[in-house]
Protein backbone atom coordinates (compact mmCIF):
# COMPACT_ATOMS: atom_id res chain seq x y z
CA MET A 1 75.70 -44.05 3.19
CA THR A 2 78.52 -44.77 0.77
CA ALA A 3 78.81 -47.80 -1.42
CA ARG A 4 81.70 -48.91 0.74
CA SER A 5 79.52 -49.20 3.87
CA THR A 6 76.47 -50.81 2.43
CA PRO A 7 75.49 -54.24 3.74
CA ARG A 8 75.98 -55.75 0.21
CA ASN A 9 79.38 -54.29 -0.15
CA GLU A 10 80.36 -55.62 3.38
CA LEU A 11 79.07 -58.96 2.26
CA ILE A 12 81.16 -58.87 -0.86
CA ALA A 13 84.29 -57.79 1.08
CA ASP A 14 83.76 -60.47 3.81
CA THR A 15 83.25 -63.17 1.18
CA ALA A 16 86.43 -61.98 -0.60
CA LEU A 17 88.39 -62.45 2.62
CA THR A 18 86.96 -65.85 3.04
CA LEU A 19 87.86 -66.86 -0.43
CA LEU A 20 91.37 -65.48 -0.03
CA ALA A 21 91.82 -67.69 3.01
CA GLU A 22 90.30 -70.79 1.55
CA ARG A 23 91.44 -70.62 -2.11
CA GLY A 24 94.31 -68.09 -2.21
CA MET A 25 94.65 -65.17 -4.61
CA ARG A 26 93.94 -67.25 -7.71
CA GLY A 27 90.64 -68.26 -6.27
CA LEU A 28 89.44 -64.73 -5.81
CA THR A 29 87.29 -63.63 -8.81
CA HIS A 30 84.12 -61.63 -9.17
CA ARG A 31 82.23 -64.72 -10.17
CA ALA A 32 83.53 -66.69 -7.26
CA VAL A 33 82.42 -63.94 -4.89
CA ASP A 34 78.93 -63.93 -6.45
CA GLU A 35 78.68 -67.65 -6.04
CA ALA A 36 79.95 -67.87 -2.53
CA ALA A 37 77.94 -64.96 -1.33
CA GLY A 38 74.71 -66.21 -2.97
CA LEU A 39 74.39 -63.13 -5.05
CA PRO A 40 73.15 -62.85 -8.68
CA GLN A 41 75.92 -63.07 -11.26
CA GLY A 42 77.32 -59.65 -11.91
CA SER A 43 76.61 -58.24 -8.50
CA THR A 44 80.27 -58.01 -7.48
CA SER A 45 81.51 -56.60 -10.68
CA ASN A 46 78.75 -53.98 -10.58
CA LEU A 47 80.05 -52.61 -7.26
CA GLN A 48 83.77 -53.48 -7.76
CA ARG A 49 84.36 -53.15 -11.43
CA THR A 50 87.98 -54.17 -11.46
CA ARG A 51 90.13 -56.69 -9.62
CA ALA A 52 92.03 -53.81 -8.09
CA ALA A 53 88.82 -52.38 -6.72
CA LEU A 54 87.87 -55.76 -5.28
CA LEU A 55 91.23 -56.13 -3.54
CA GLU A 56 91.14 -52.68 -2.23
CA THR A 57 87.66 -53.28 -0.70
CA ALA A 58 89.01 -56.52 0.91
CA VAL A 59 91.91 -54.62 2.51
CA ARG A 60 89.68 -51.92 3.91
CA ARG A 61 87.29 -54.53 5.37
CA LEU A 62 90.17 -56.50 6.73
CA SER A 63 91.30 -53.33 8.53
CA GLU A 64 87.85 -52.82 9.98
CA ARG A 65 87.55 -56.35 11.28
CA GLU A 66 91.02 -56.42 12.69
CA ALA A 67 90.41 -53.14 14.44
CA ALA A 68 87.46 -54.78 16.29
CA VAL A 69 89.68 -57.58 17.72
CA LEU A 70 90.85 -55.30 20.53
CA THR A 71 88.40 -52.52 21.35
CA PRO A 72 89.60 -49.01 22.33
CA GLY A 73 88.33 -49.54 25.87
CA GLU A 74 90.65 -52.53 26.22
CA MET A 75 93.74 -50.63 25.26
CA PRO A 76 96.11 -49.56 28.02
CA HIS A 77 96.23 -45.91 29.04
CA ALA A 78 99.10 -43.67 30.01
CA PRO A 79 100.26 -44.15 33.65
CA ALA A 80 98.50 -41.91 36.06
CA ALA A 81 101.66 -40.63 37.63
CA PRO A 82 105.41 -40.77 37.03
CA GLY A 83 107.05 -43.86 38.33
CA ASP A 84 104.20 -46.09 37.03
CA GLY A 85 106.25 -47.48 34.17
CA ALA A 86 106.13 -51.06 35.48
CA ASP A 87 102.37 -51.04 35.64
CA ALA A 88 102.26 -49.44 32.12
CA LYS A 89 104.55 -52.21 30.76
CA ALA A 90 102.31 -54.87 32.35
CA ALA A 91 99.31 -53.20 30.79
CA VAL A 92 100.94 -53.30 27.36
CA ALA A 93 101.84 -56.93 27.77
CA ASP A 94 98.27 -57.68 28.84
CA ALA A 95 96.72 -55.89 25.88
CA VAL A 96 99.07 -57.30 23.30
CA SER A 97 98.67 -60.87 24.56
CA LEU A 98 94.87 -60.45 24.56
CA ALA A 99 94.93 -59.23 20.98
CA LEU A 100 97.31 -62.05 19.80
CA HIS A 101 95.30 -64.69 21.58
CA ARG A 102 92.00 -63.55 20.06
CA TYR A 103 93.53 -63.43 16.56
CA LEU A 104 94.86 -66.96 16.95
CA SER A 105 91.84 -68.52 18.68
CA ARG A 106 89.03 -66.82 16.81
CA HIS A 107 90.30 -65.07 13.59
CA ARG A 108 92.92 -67.40 11.96
CA GLN A 109 91.04 -67.12 8.69
CA LEU A 110 91.53 -63.30 8.73
CA LEU A 111 95.25 -63.77 9.30
CA VAL A 112 95.58 -66.09 6.29
CA ALA A 113 93.63 -63.56 4.14
CA ARG A 114 95.92 -60.82 5.49
CA TYR A 115 98.98 -62.78 4.35
CA GLU A 116 97.60 -63.25 0.89
CA LEU A 117 96.89 -59.49 0.58
CA ALA A 118 100.31 -58.58 2.00
CA LEU A 119 102.05 -60.54 -0.71
CA GLU A 120 99.83 -59.03 -3.40
CA ALA A 121 100.56 -55.61 -2.04
CA THR A 122 104.24 -56.08 -2.88
CA ARG A 123 103.24 -56.36 -6.61
CA ARG A 124 100.57 -53.60 -6.70
CA PRO A 125 101.67 -50.12 -5.71
CA GLU A 126 98.07 -48.88 -5.41
CA LEU A 127 97.23 -51.69 -3.00
CA ARG A 128 100.53 -51.17 -1.14
CA ALA A 129 99.42 -47.61 -0.23
CA ILE A 130 96.03 -48.79 1.11
CA TYR A 131 97.61 -51.70 2.97
CA ASP A 132 100.16 -49.50 4.65
CA GLN A 133 97.59 -46.95 5.57
CA ALA A 134 95.50 -49.69 7.30
CA GLY A 135 98.59 -50.91 9.14
CA ARG A 136 99.09 -47.55 10.82
CA ALA A 137 95.88 -48.21 12.79
CA PHE A 138 97.94 -50.81 14.63
CA ARG A 139 101.35 -49.15 14.68
CA GLU A 140 100.40 -45.80 15.95
CA PRO A 141 98.61 -47.06 19.06
CA MET A 142 101.58 -49.31 19.73
CA THR A 143 103.93 -46.38 19.59
CA ALA A 144 101.67 -44.44 22.03
CA MET A 145 101.54 -47.44 24.41
CA LEU A 146 105.28 -47.86 24.42
CA ALA A 147 105.82 -44.18 25.04
CA ALA A 148 103.40 -44.37 27.98
CA ALA A 149 105.33 -47.28 29.27
CA GLY A 150 108.52 -45.33 29.42
CA SER A 151 110.22 -46.20 26.12
CA THR A 152 113.00 -43.83 25.25
CA ALA A 153 112.72 -44.76 21.52
CA PRO A 154 109.08 -45.57 20.98
CA GLU A 155 109.34 -45.55 17.12
CA ARG A 156 112.24 -47.92 17.04
CA HIS A 157 110.65 -50.15 19.72
CA THR A 158 107.48 -50.23 17.80
CA LEU A 159 109.33 -51.94 14.96
CA SER A 160 110.55 -54.62 17.42
CA MET A 161 107.13 -55.13 18.85
CA VAL A 162 105.29 -55.24 15.59
CA ALA A 163 107.89 -57.67 14.13
CA TRP A 164 107.47 -59.87 17.27
CA CYS A 165 103.70 -59.87 16.95
CA ASP A 166 103.74 -60.56 13.22
CA GLY A 167 106.17 -63.33 13.79
CA VAL A 168 104.05 -64.96 16.50
CA LEU A 169 100.93 -64.69 14.39
CA PHE A 170 102.64 -66.11 11.30
CA SER A 171 104.35 -68.92 13.16
CA CYS A 172 101.21 -69.99 14.95
CA THR A 173 98.97 -69.73 11.88
CA ALA A 174 101.11 -70.88 8.85
CA GLY A 175 104.51 -71.73 10.32
CA GLN A 176 106.24 -74.28 12.49
CA PHE A 177 103.89 -73.73 15.50
CA HIS A 178 100.53 -73.90 13.65
CA ALA A 179 99.32 -76.98 15.48
CA ALA A 180 98.47 -75.37 18.85
CA VAL A 181 97.44 -71.91 20.00
CA PRO A 182 99.73 -70.66 22.73
CA THR A 183 97.98 -69.71 25.96
CA ARG A 184 97.36 -66.10 26.72
CA GLU A 185 99.59 -66.51 29.84
CA ALA A 186 102.42 -67.71 27.61
CA LEU A 187 102.00 -64.81 25.22
CA ARG A 188 101.79 -62.30 28.09
CA ALA A 189 105.04 -63.74 29.58
CA SER A 190 106.88 -63.47 26.25
CA CYS A 191 105.67 -60.00 25.55
CA ALA A 192 106.75 -58.85 29.04
CA GLU A 193 110.19 -60.38 28.43
CA LEU A 194 110.52 -58.46 25.20
CA LEU A 195 109.40 -55.21 26.84
CA ASP A 196 111.91 -55.69 29.64
CA GLY A 197 114.70 -56.16 27.11
CA LEU A 198 113.64 -53.06 25.14
CA MET A 199 113.15 -50.78 28.03
CA SER A 200 116.48 -51.73 29.71
CA ARG A 201 118.34 -50.21 26.84
């Protein structure tokens, strides 16, 4: 078992994400993680010796936890036969709306931590590479889903879908629509409308 996967390292990473959400980037220190996690002083710096290492661990843990929001078994599959594009589009809208609703209703703290890390990644090239690698775990399945739904330009349409998803998540977490979580039905309808527009081109 590597240091990255030990229970203590997961505790440190989870605590770092909590601190990022609650206190922002300035509130994330090795000492603060020790205190919030109930660990002896020096525990975090012993495993993550630098701030960069602590941030990288937080990004990797964020990716693991976000991947668990929508399990592989809940992802839509390719249509069984040609002509099933409408069913495939409905399946994409269903899966995306489920993921968004779960994020907004159960994992808002993770979203705030993600925004903190995304901004920091713009200033740290080494963190940018890890953040982008983690993001592919969402983008690549989206591209596959859109191709299965009949997209003639799945890579380009993935940008539109991811941008829409990110916009909804940010608006409903830290933006103008933060006060209420949209229903899954509303999210599904909006996603279906977007898909209809993309696929008609």
